[in-house]
């Protein structure tokens, strides 16, 4: 079990908390909480030790394609593939952007 903390500059304002996914075999859950600081704080708890570089590369690529939201993103990972991780992150940000 490994805990990884990352931080990125962020500009997009999202107004709602959101949750996407369920921790299970080969999946992950992502929880987003918005705040007003211009950073995206990412906390990852993963069952895959030594995966920090993979997560850094995933967020580096994600930031090239999307503006990052201001807030805190907590990820509980159970050996998901990079494709599943990207999908869950996109889903949680989309849900946080919807009007309630």
PDB file of N, CA and C in Angstrom:
ATOM      1  N   UNK A   1       0.866  -1.178   0.000  1.00  0.00           N
ATOM      2  CA  UNK A   1       0.000   0.000   0.000  1.00  0.00           C
ATOM      3  C   UNK A   1       0.904   1.231   0.000  1.00  0.00           C
ATOM      4  N   UNK A   2       0.631   2.154  -0.883  1.00  0.00           N
ATOM      5  CA  UNK A   2       1.439   3.363  -1.014  1.00  0.00           C
ATOM      6  C   UNK A   2       0.528   4.582  -1.002  1.00  0.00           C
ATOM      7  N   UNK A   3       1.015   5.676  -0.391  1.00  0.00           N
ATOM      8  CA  UNK A   3       0.299   6.953  -0.390  1.00  0.00           C
ATOM      9  C   UNK A   3       1.150   7.931  -1.191  1.00  0.00           C
ATOM     10  N   UNK A   4       0.526   8.595  -2.151  1.00  0.00           N
ATOM     11  CA  UNK A   4       1.222   9.533  -3.038  1.00  0.00           C
ATOM     12  C   UNK A   4       0.500  10.871  -2.940  1.00  0.00           C
ATOM     13  N   UNK A   5       1.263  11.945  -2.779  1.00  0.00           N
ATOM     14  CA  UNK A   5       0.671  13.290  -2.762  1.00  0.00           C
ATOM     15  C   UNK A   5       1.286  14.105  -3.885  1.00  0.00           C
ATOM     16  N   UNK A   6       0.431  14.694  -4.708  1.00  0.00           N
ATOM     17  CA  UNK A   6       0.860  15.515  -5.842  1.00  0.00           C
ATOM     18  C   UNK A   6       0.128  16.843  -5.768  1.00  0.00           C
ATOM     19  N   UNK A   7       0.689  17.893  -6.382  1.00  0.00           N
ATOM     20  CA  UNK A   7       0.033  19.193  -6.416  1.00  0.00           C
ATOM     21  C   UNK A   7       0.325  19.855  -7.766  1.00  0.00           C
ATOM     22  N   UNK A   8      -0.724  20.465  -8.331  1.00  0.00           N
ATOM     23  CA  UNK A   8      -0.597  21.092  -9.648  1.00  0.00           C
ATOM     24  C   UNK A   8      -1.280  22.453  -9.635  1.00  0.00           C
ATOM     25  N   UNK A   9      -0.784  23.411 -10.424  1.00  0.00           N
ATOM     26  CA  UNK A   9      -1.505  24.676 -10.577  1.00  0.00           C
ATOM     27  C   UNK A   9      -2.870  24.397 -11.207  1.00  0.00           C
ATOM     28  N   UNK A  10      -3.882  25.133 -10.751  1.00  0.00           N
ATOM     29  CA  UNK A  10      -5.240  24.911 -11.256  1.00  0.00           C
ATOM     30  C   UNK A  10      -5.931  26.244 -11.483  1.00  0.00           C
ATOM     31  N   UNK A  11      -6.842  26.265 -12.439  1.00  0.00           N
ATOM     32  CA  UNK A  11      -7.537  27.510 -12.774  1.00  0.00           C
ATOM     33  C   UNK A  11      -9.053  27.365 -12.827  1.00  0.00           C
ATOM     34  N   UNK A  12      -9.529  26.184 -13.071  1.00  0.00           N
ATOM     35  CA  UNK A  12     -10.976  25.992 -13.272  1.00  0.00           C
ATOM     36  C   UNK A  12     -11.717  25.918 -11.939  1.00  0.00           C
ATOM     37  N   UNK A  13     -12.859  26.616 -11.862  1.00  0.00           N
ATOM     38  CA  UNK A  13     -13.676  26.581 -10.651  1.00  0.00           C
ATOM     39  C   UNK A  13     -14.816  25.596 -10.842  1.00  0.00           C
ATOM     40  N   UNK A  14     -14.877  24.599  -9.975  1.00  0.00           N
ATOM     41  CA  UNK A  14     -16.005  23.670  -9.938  1.00  0.00           C
ATOM     42  C   UNK A  14     -16.689  23.879  -8.596  1.00  0.00           C
ATOM     43  N   UNK A  15     -17.995  23.763  -8.570  1.00  0.00           N
ATOM     44  CA  UNK A  15     -18.719  24.185  -7.370  1.00  0.00           C
ATOM     45  C   UNK A  15     -19.233  23.065  -6.483  1.00  0.00           C
ATOM     46  N   UNK A  16     -19.113  21.817  -6.903  1.00  0.00           N
ATOM     47  CA  UNK A  16     -19.732  20.742  -6.127  1.00  0.00           C
ATOM     48  C   UNK A  16     -18.737  19.643  -5.771  1.00  0.00           C
ATOM     49  N   UNK A  17     -19.027  18.968  -4.659  1.00  0.00           N
ATOM     50  CA  UNK A  17     -18.311  17.747  -4.333  1.00  0.00           C
ATOM     51  C   UNK A  17     -18.814  16.658  -5.276  1.00  0.00           C
ATOM     52  N   UNK A  18     -17.972  15.676  -5.541  1.00  0.00           N
ATOM     53  CA  UNK A  18     -18.404  14.584  -6.417  1.00  0.00           C
ATOM     54  C   UNK A  18     -17.629  13.314  -6.102  1.00  0.00           C
ATOM     55  N   UNK A  19     -18.243  12.192  -6.461  1.00  0.00           N
ATOM     56  CA  UNK A  19     -17.639  10.870  -6.282  1.00  0.00           C
ATOM     57  C   UNK A  19     -17.878  10.069  -7.554  1.00  0.00           C
ATOM     58  N   UNK A  20     -16.835   9.381  -8.020  1.00  0.00           N
ATOM     59  CA  UNK A  20     -16.975   8.509  -9.191  1.00  0.00           C
ATOM     60  C   UNK A  20     -16.252   7.200  -8.919  1.00  0.00           C
ATOM     61  N   UNK A  21     -16.879   6.103  -9.321  1.00  0.00           N
ATOM     62  CA  UNK A  21     -16.259   4.795  -9.205  1.00  0.00           C
ATOM     63  C   UNK A  21     -16.448   4.151  -7.850  1.00  0.00           C
ATOM     64  N   UNK A  22     -16.065   2.891  -7.783  1.00  0.00           N
ATOM     65  CA  UNK A  22     -16.128   2.097  -6.566  1.00  0.00           C
ATOM     66  C   UNK A  22     -14.839   1.290  -6.494  1.00  0.00           C
ATOM     67  N   UNK A  23     -14.224   1.278  -5.315  1.00  0.00           N
ATOM     68  CA  UNK A  23     -12.991   0.501  -5.173  1.00  0.00           C
ATOM     69  C   UNK A  23     -13.346  -0.976  -5.264  1.00  0.00           C
ATOM     70  N   UNK A  24     -12.662  -1.668  -6.100  1.00  0.00           N
ATOM     71  CA  UNK A  24     -12.868  -3.105  -6.260  1.00  0.00           C
ATOM     72  C   UNK A  24     -11.746  -3.660  -7.103  1.00  0.00           C
ATOM     73  N   UNK A  25     -11.810  -4.884  -7.462  1.00  0.00           N
ATOM     74  CA  UNK A  25     -10.753  -5.487  -8.252  1.00  0.00           C
ATOM     75  C   UNK A  25     -10.553  -4.744  -9.565  1.00  0.00           C
ATOM     76  N   UNK A  26      -9.396  -4.166  -9.756  1.00  0.00           N
ATOM     77  CA  UNK A  26      -9.053  -3.485 -10.996  1.00  0.00           C
ATOM     78  C   UNK A  26      -9.753  -2.165 -11.204  1.00  0.00           C
ATOM     79  N   UNK A  27     -10.210  -1.504 -10.146  1.00  0.00           N
ATOM     80  CA  UNK A  27     -10.920  -0.244 -10.307  1.00  0.00           C
ATOM     81  C   UNK A  27     -10.436   0.755  -9.264  1.00  0.00           C
ATOM     82  N   UNK A  28     -11.065   1.913  -9.237  1.00  0.00           N
ATOM     83  CA  UNK A  28     -10.724   2.940  -8.257  1.00  0.00           C
ATOM     84  C   UNK A  28     -11.910   3.845  -8.035  1.00  0.00           C
ATOM     85  N   UNK A  29     -11.849   4.601  -6.930  1.00  0.00           N
ATOM     86  CA  UNK A  29     -12.829   5.650  -6.705  1.00  0.00           C
ATOM     87  C   UNK A  29     -12.089   6.967  -6.607  1.00  0.00           C
ATOM     88  N   UNK A  30     -12.725   8.015  -7.111  1.00  0.00           N
ATOM     89  CA  UNK A  30     -12.161   9.359  -7.083  1.00  0.00           C
ATOM     90  C   UNK A  30     -13.179  10.284  -6.440  1.00  0.00           C
ATOM     91  N   UNK A  31     -12.732  11.035  -5.427  1.00  0.00           N
ATOM     92  CA  UNK A  31     -13.593  11.991  -4.719  1.00  0.00           C
ATOM     93  C   UNK A  31     -12.994  13.384  -4.886  1.00  0.00           C
ATOM     94  N   UNK A  32     -13.822  14.344  -5.306  1.00  0.00           N
ATOM     95  CA  UNK A  32     -13.355  15.711  -5.518  1.00  0.00           C
ATOM     96  C   UNK A  32     -14.070  16.654  -4.567  1.00  0.00           C
ATOM     97  N   UNK A  33     -13.301  17.532  -3.931  1.00  0.00           N
ATOM     98  CA  UNK A  33     -13.849  18.575  -3.055  1.00  0.00           C
ATOM     99  C   UNK A  33     -13.283  19.906  -3.549  1.00  0.00           C
ATOM    100  N   UNK A  34     -14.142  20.836  -3.987  1.00  0.00           N
ATOM    101  CA  UNK A  34     -13.636  22.117  -4.500  1.00  0.00           C
ATOM    102  C   UNK A  34     -13.154  23.022  -3.374  1.00  0.00           C
ATOM    103  N   UNK A  35     -12.208  23.893  -3.675  1.00  0.00           N
ATOM    104  CA  UNK A  35     -11.787  24.959  -2.770  1.00  0.00           C
ATOM    105  C   UNK A  35     -11.355  26.147  -3.605  1.00  0.00           C
ATOM    106  N   UNK A  36     -10.957  27.246  -2.965  1.00  0.00           N
ATOM    107  CA  UNK A  36     -10.665  28.487  -3.683  1.00  0.00           C
ATOM    108  C   UNK A  36      -9.183  28.713  -3.957  1.00  0.00           C
ATOM    109  N   UNK A  37      -8.306  27.872  -3.439  1.00  0.00           N
ATOM    110  CA  UNK A  37      -6.874  27.991  -3.715  1.00  0.00           C
ATOM    111  C   UNK A  37      -6.618  27.550  -5.159  1.00  0.00           C
ATOM    112  N   UNK A  38      -5.643  28.151  -5.793  1.00  0.00           N
ATOM    113  CA  UNK A  38      -5.388  27.876  -7.205  1.00  0.00           C
ATOM    114  C   UNK A  38      -4.458  26.681  -7.387  1.00  0.00           C
ATOM    115  N   UNK A  39      -4.816  25.586  -6.719  1.00  0.00           N
ATOM    116  CA  UNK A  39      -4.074  24.333  -6.848  1.00  0.00           C
ATOM    117  C   UNK A  39      -5.042  23.164  -6.895  1.00  0.00           C
ATOM    118  N   UNK A  40      -4.585  22.091  -7.482  1.00  0.00           N
ATOM    119  CA  UNK A  40      -5.266  20.812  -7.376  1.00  0.00           C
ATOM    120  C   UNK A  40      -4.364  19.921  -6.532  1.00  0.00           C
ATOM    121  N   UNK A  41      -4.810  19.616  -5.322  1.00  0.00           N
ATOM    122  CA  UNK A  41      -4.067  18.717  -4.440  1.00  0.00           C
ATOM    123  C   UNK A  41      -4.592  17.308  -4.673  1.00  0.00           C
ATOM    124  N   UNK A  42      -3.703  16.395  -4.984  1.00  0.00           N
ATOM    125  CA  UNK A  42      -4.090  15.016  -5.290  1.00  0.00           C
ATOM    126  C   UNK A  42      -3.478  14.086  -4.247  1.00  0.00           C
ATOM    127  N   UNK A  43      -4.321  13.289  -3.612  1.00  0.00           N
ATOM    128  CA  UNK A  43      -3.858  12.291  -2.649  1.00  0.00           C
ATOM    129  C   UNK A  43      -4.305  10.932  -3.169  1.00  0.00           C
ATOM    130  N   UNK A  44      -3.341  10.062  -3.402  1.00  0.00           N
ATOM    131  CA  UNK A  44      -3.627   8.742  -3.974  1.00  0.00           C
ATOM    132  C   UNK A  44      -3.220   7.676  -2.965  1.00  0.00           C
ATOM    133  N   UNK A  45      -4.144   6.787  -2.664  1.00  0.00           N
ATOM    134  CA  UNK A  45      -3.836   5.590  -1.874  1.00  0.00           C
ATOM    135  C   UNK A  45      -3.983   4.422  -2.830  1.00  0.00           C
ATOM    136  N   UNK A  46      -2.876   3.718  -3.075  1.00  0.00           N
ATOM    137  CA  UNK A  46      -2.897   2.671  -4.092  1.00  0.00           C
ATOM    138  C   UNK A  46      -2.350   1.355  -3.562  1.00  0.00           C
ATOM    139  N   UNK A  47      -2.884   0.270  -4.100  1.00  0.00           N
ATOM    140  CA  UNK A  47      -2.401  -1.065  -3.738  1.00  0.00           C
ATOM    141  C   UNK A  47      -1.131  -1.426  -4.498  1.00  0.00           C
ATOM    142  N   UNK A  48      -0.732  -0.574  -5.442  1.00  0.00           N
ATOM    143  CA  UNK A  48       0.435  -0.851  -6.283  1.00  0.00           C
ATOM    144  C   UNK A  48       1.611  -0.004  -5.798  1.00  0.00           C
ATOM    145  N   UNK A  49       2.551  -0.628  -5.113  1.00  0.00           N
ATOM    146  CA  UNK A  49       3.731   0.087  -4.642  1.00  0.00           C
ATOM    147  C   UNK A  49       4.626   0.471  -5.819  1.00  0.00           C
ATOM    148  N   UNK A  50       5.284   1.631  -5.696  1.00  0.00           N
ATOM    149  CA  UNK A  50       6.219   2.078  -6.730  1.00  0.00           C
ATOM    150  C   UNK A  50       5.536   2.657  -7.959  1.00  0.00           C
ATOM    151  N   UNK A  51       4.329   3.170  -7.821  1.00  0.00           N
ATOM    152  CA  UNK A  51       3.592   3.659  -8.992  1.00  0.00           C
ATOM    153  C   UNK A  51       3.551   5.189  -9.091  1.00  0.00           C
ATOM    154  N   UNK A  52       4.362   5.902  -8.308  1.00  0.00           N
ATOM    155  CA  UNK A  52       4.317   7.367  -8.312  1.00  0.00           C
ATOM    156  C   UNK A  52       4.585   7.938  -9.714  1.00  0.00           C
ATOM    157  N   UNK A  53       5.559   7.414 -10.409  1.00  0.00           N
ATOM    158  CA  UNK A  53       5.887   7.922 -11.760  1.00  0.00           C
ATOM    159  C   UNK A  53       4.707   7.744 -12.706  1.00  0.00           C
ATOM    160  N   UNK A  54       4.019   6.618 -12.602  1.00  0.00           N
ATOM    161  CA  UNK A  54       2.839   6.382 -13.450  1.00  0.00           C
ATOM    162  C   UNK A  54       1.772   7.443 -13.200  1.00  0.00           C
ATOM    163  N   UNK A  55       1.524   7.752 -11.921  1.00  0.00           N
ATOM    164  CA  UNK A  55       0.501   8.753 -11.584  1.00  0.00           C
ATOM    165  C   UNK A  55       0.938  10.147 -12.028  1.00  0.00           C
ATOM    166  N   UNK A  56       2.228  10.467 -11.846  1.00  0.00           N
ATOM    167  CA  UNK A  56       2.724  11.776 -12.302  1.00  0.00           C
ATOM    168  C   UNK A  56       2.545  11.920 -13.805  1.00  0.00           C
ATOM    169  N   UNK A  57       2.864  10.867 -14.549  1.00  0.00           N
ATOM    170  CA  UNK A  57       2.705  10.917 -16.004  1.00  0.00           C
ATOM    171  C   UNK A  57       1.235  11.033 -16.414  1.00  0.00           C
ATOM    172  N   UNK A  58       0.361  10.338 -15.679  1.00  0.00           N
ATOM    173  CA  UNK A  58      -1.069  10.417 -15.986  1.00  0.00           C
ATOM    174  C   UNK A  58      -1.568  11.854 -15.800  1.00  0.00           C
ATOM    175  N   UNK A  59      -1.220  12.508 -14.697  1.00  0.00           N
ATOM    176  CA  UNK A  59      -1.689  13.878 -14.465  1.00  0.00           C
ATOM    177  C   UNK A  59      -0.997  14.876 -15.388  1.00  0.00           C
ATOM    178  N   UNK A  60       0.261  14.625 -15.746  1.00  0.00           N
ATOM    179  CA  UNK A  60       0.943  15.505 -16.707  1.00  0.00           C
ATOM    180  C   UNK A  60       0.196  15.473 -18.046  1.00  0.00           C
ATOM    181  N   UNK A  61      -0.155  14.289 -18.500  1.00  0.00           N
ATOM    182  CA  UNK A  61      -0.893  14.154 -19.764  1.00  0.00           C
ATOM    183  C   UNK A  61      -2.308  14.727 -19.630  1.00  0.00           C
ATOM    184  N   UNK A  62      -2.957  14.466 -18.506  1.00  0.00           N
ATOM    185  CA  UNK A  62      -4.312  14.980 -18.281  1.00  0.00           C
ATOM    186  C   UNK A  62      -4.314  16.502 -18.341  1.00  0.00           C
ATOM    187  N   UNK A  63      -3.300  17.139 -17.740  1.00  0.00           N
ATOM    188  CA  UNK A  63      -3.212  18.605 -17.710  1.00  0.00           C
ATOM    189  C   UNK A  63      -2.963  19.188 -19.105  1.00  0.00           C
ATOM    190  N   UNK A  64      -2.366  18.402 -19.999  1.00  0.00           N
ATOM    191  CA  UNK A  64      -2.177  18.869 -21.381  1.00  0.00           C
ATOM    192  C   UNK A  64      -3.506  18.918 -22.129  1.00  0.00           C
ATOM    193  N   UNK A  65      -4.447  18.059 -21.751  1.00  0.00           N
ATOM    194  CA  UNK A  65      -5.722  17.938 -22.459  1.00  0.00           C
ATOM    195  C   UNK A  65      -6.869  18.706 -21.805  1.00  0.00           C
ATOM    196  N   UNK A  66      -6.747  18.988 -20.485  1.00  0.00           N
ATOM    197  CA  UNK A  66      -7.838  19.611 -19.731  1.00  0.00           C
ATOM    198  C   UNK A  66      -7.267  20.681 -18.804  1.00  0.00           C
ATOM    199  N   UNK A  67      -8.084  21.700 -18.486  1.00  0.00           N
ATOM    200  CA  UNK A  67      -7.677  22.610 -17.414  1.00  0.00           C
ATOM    201  C   UNK A  67      -7.996  21.908 -16.090  1.00  0.00           C
ATOM    202  N   UNK A  68      -7.114  22.059 -15.128  1.00  0.00           N
ATOM    203  CA  UNK A  68      -7.304  21.379 -13.851  1.00  0.00           C
ATOM    204  C   UNK A  68      -8.150  22.233 -12.922  1.00  0.00           C
ATOM    205  N   UNK A  69      -9.042  21.609 -12.170  1.00  0.00           N
ATOM    206  CA  UNK A  69      -9.914  22.357 -11.248  1.00  0.00           C
ATOM    207  C   UNK A  69      -9.226  22.625  -9.906  1.00  0.00           C
ATOM    208  N   UNK A  70      -9.647  23.721  -9.272  1.00  0.00           N
ATOM    209  CA  UNK A  70      -9.136  24.085  -7.957  1.00  0.00           C
ATOM    210  C   UNK A  70      -9.856  23.218  -6.924  1.00  0.00           C
ATOM    211  N   UNK A  71      -9.087  22.450  -6.160  1.00  0.00           N
ATOM    212  CA  UNK A  71      -9.711  21.588  -5.162  1.00  0.00           C
ATOM    213  C   UNK A  71      -8.794  20.477  -4.712  1.00  0.00           C
ATOM    214  N   UNK A  72      -9.412  19.527  -4.042  1.00  0.00           N
ATOM    215  CA  UNK A  72      -8.692  18.362  -3.523  1.00  0.00           C
ATOM    216  C   UNK A  72      -9.292  17.116  -4.161  1.00  0.00           C
ATOM    217  N   UNK A  73      -8.439  16.274  -4.710  1.00  0.00           N
ATOM    218  CA  UNK A  73      -8.858  15.032  -5.351  1.00  0.00           C
ATOM    219  C   UNK A  73      -8.258  13.870  -4.576  1.00  0.00           C
ATOM    220  N   UNK A  74      -9.106  13.032  -4.015  1.00  0.00           N
ATOM    221  CA  UNK A  74      -8.639  11.846  -3.312  1.00  0.00           C
ATOM    222  C   UNK A  74      -8.972  10.622  -4.149  1.00  0.00           C
ATOM    223  N   UNK A  75      -7.962   9.785  -4.357  1.00  0.00           N
ATOM    224  CA  UNK A  75      -8.130   8.591  -5.176  1.00  0.00           C
ATOM    225  C   UNK A  75      -7.773   7.366  -4.342  1.00  0.00           C
ATOM    226  N   UNK A  76      -8.678   6.400  -4.314  1.00  0.00           N
ATOM    227  CA  UNK A  76      -8.419   5.098  -3.703  1.00  0.00           C
ATOM    228  C   UNK A  76      -8.343   4.098  -4.843  1.00  0.00           C
ATOM    229  N   UNK A  77      -7.138   3.591  -5.074  1.00  0.00           N
ATOM    230  CA  UNK A  77      -6.858   2.767  -6.251  1.00  0.00           C
ATOM    231  C   UNK A  77      -6.635   1.317  -5.860  1.00  0.00           C
ATOM    232  N   UNK A  78      -7.259   0.425  -6.606  1.00  0.00           N
ATOM    233  CA  UNK A  78      -7.036  -1.011  -6.418  1.00  0.00           C
ATOM    234  C   UNK A  78      -6.524  -1.574  -7.735  1.00  0.00           C
ATOM    235  N   UNK A  79      -5.315  -1.167  -8.104  1.00  0.00           N
ATOM    236  CA  UNK A  79      -4.616  -1.683  -9.289  1.00  0.00           C
ATOM    237  C   UNK A  79      -5.342  -1.386 -10.598  1.00  0.00           C
ATOM    238  N   UNK A  80      -5.915  -0.196 -10.720  1.00  0.00           N
ATOM    239  CA  UNK A  80      -6.598   0.144 -11.972  1.00  0.00           C
ATOM    240  C   UNK A  80      -5.578   0.384 -13.087  1.00  0.00           C
ATOM    241  N   UNK A  81      -6.039   0.232 -14.306  1.00  0.00           N
ATOM    242  CA  UNK A  81      -5.193   0.544 -15.451  1.00  0.00           C
ATOM    243  C   UNK A  81      -5.188   2.067 -15.640  1.00  0.00           C
ATOM    244  N   UNK A  82      -4.196   2.611 -16.356  1.00  0.00           N
ATOM    245  CA  UNK A  82      -4.204   4.060 -16.604  1.00  0.00           C
ATOM    246  C   UNK A  82      -5.480   4.525 -17.316  1.00  0.00           C
ATOM    247  N   UNK A  83      -6.047   3.696 -18.191  1.00  0.00           N
ATOM    248  CA  UNK A  83      -7.274   4.071 -18.889  1.00  0.00           C
ATOM    249  C   UNK A  83      -8.454   4.210 -17.940  1.00  0.00           C
ATOM    250  N   UNK A  84      -8.588   3.291 -16.995  1.00  0.00           N
ATOM    251  CA  UNK A  84      -9.660   3.364 -16.004  1.00  0.00           C
ATOM    252  C   UNK A  84      -9.444   4.575 -15.099  1.00  0.00           C
ATOM    253  N   UNK A  85      -8.204   4.814 -14.691  1.00  0.00           N
ATOM    254  CA  UNK A  85      -7.909   5.967 -13.830  1.00  0.00           C
ATOM    255  C   UNK A  85      -8.297   7.269 -14.528  1.00  0.00           C
ATOM    256  N   UNK A  86      -7.921   7.408 -15.792  1.00  0.00           N
ATOM    257  CA  UNK A  86      -8.256   8.628 -16.558  1.00  0.00           C
ATOM    258  C   UNK A  86      -9.771   8.786 -16.658  1.00  0.00           C
ATOM    259  N   UNK A  87     -10.477   7.690 -16.938  1.00  0.00           N
ATOM    260  CA  UNK A  87     -11.936   7.733 -17.055  1.00  0.00           C
ATOM    261  C   UNK A  87     -12.582   8.192 -15.748  1.00  0.00           C
ATOM    262  N   UNK A  88     -12.169   7.619 -14.617  1.00  0.00           N
ATOM    263  CA  UNK A  88     -12.763   7.996 -13.323  1.00  0.00           C
ATOM    264  C   UNK A  88     -12.464   9.461 -12.982  1.00  0.00           C
ATOM    265  N   UNK A  89     -11.276   9.935 -13.287  1.00  0.00           N
ATOM    266  CA  UNK A  89     -10.931  11.331 -13.009  1.00  0.00           C
ATOM    267  C   UNK A  89     -11.788  12.258 -13.871  1.00  0.00           C
ATOM    268  N   UNK A  90     -11.949  11.921 -15.146  1.00  0.00           N
ATOM    269  CA  UNK A  90     -12.821  12.726 -16.009  1.00  0.00           C
ATOM    270  C   UNK A  90     -14.257  12.718 -15.485  1.00  0.00           C
ATOM    271  N   UNK A  91     -14.733  11.541 -15.041  1.00  0.00           N
ATOM    272  CA  UNK A  91     -16.104  11.433 -14.525  1.00  0.00           C
ATOM    273  C   UNK A  91     -16.310  12.281 -13.272  1.00  0.00           C
ATOM    274  N   UNK A  92     -15.367  12.246 -12.346  1.00  0.00           N
ATOM    275  CA  UNK A  92     -15.560  13.000 -11.099  1.00  0.00           C
ATOM    276  C   UNK A  92     -15.531  14.512 -11.361  1.00  0.00           C
ATOM    277  N   UNK A  93     -14.678  14.966 -12.278  1.00  0.00           N
ATOM    278  CA  UNK A  93     -14.652  16.398 -12.595  1.00  0.00           C
ATOM    279  C   UNK A  93     -15.929  16.808 -13.333  1.00  0.00           C
ATOM    280  N   UNK A  94     -16.430  15.953 -14.213  1.00  0.00           N
ATOM    281  CA  UNK A  94     -17.676  16.254 -14.917  1.00  0.00           C
ATOM    282  C   UNK A  94     -18.845  16.340 -13.935  1.00  0.00           C
ATOM    283  N   UNK A  95     -18.921  15.401 -13.007  1.00  0.00           N
ATOM    284  CA  UNK A  95     -19.993  15.407 -12.011  1.00  0.00           C
ATOM    285  C   UNK A  95     -19.892  16.648 -11.109  1.00  0.00           C
ATOM    286  N   UNK A  96     -18.695  17.056 -10.759  1.00  0.00           N
ATOM    287  CA  UNK A  96     -18.500  18.241  -9.910  1.00  0.00           C
ATOM    288  C   UNK A  96     -18.880  19.526 -10.638  1.00  0.00           C
ATOM    289  N   UNK A  97     -18.942  19.468 -11.945  1.00  0.00           N
ATOM    290  CA  UNK A  97     -19.273  20.652 -12.757  1.00  0.00           C
ATOM    291  C   UNK A  97     -20.773  20.768 -13.035  1.00  0.00           C
ATOM    292  N   UNK A  98     -21.537  19.715 -12.742  1.00  0.00           N
ATOM    293  CA  UNK A  98     -22.983  19.748 -12.997  1.00  0.00           C
ATOM    294  C   UNK A  98     -23.704  20.561 -11.948  1.00  0.00           C
ATOM    295  N   UNK A  99     -24.753  21.243 -12.382  1.00  0.00           N
ATOM    296  CA  UNK A  99     -25.615  21.958 -11.447  1.00  0.00           C
ATOM    297  C   UNK A  99     -26.428  20.934 -10.671  1.00  0.00           C
ATOM    298  N   UNK A 100     -26.594  21.144  -9.394  1.00  0.00           N
ATOM    299  CA  UNK A 100     -27.367  20.213  -8.553  1.00  0.00           C
ATOM    300  C   UNK A 100     -28.795  20.663  -8.464  1.00  0.00           C
TER     301      UNK A 100
END
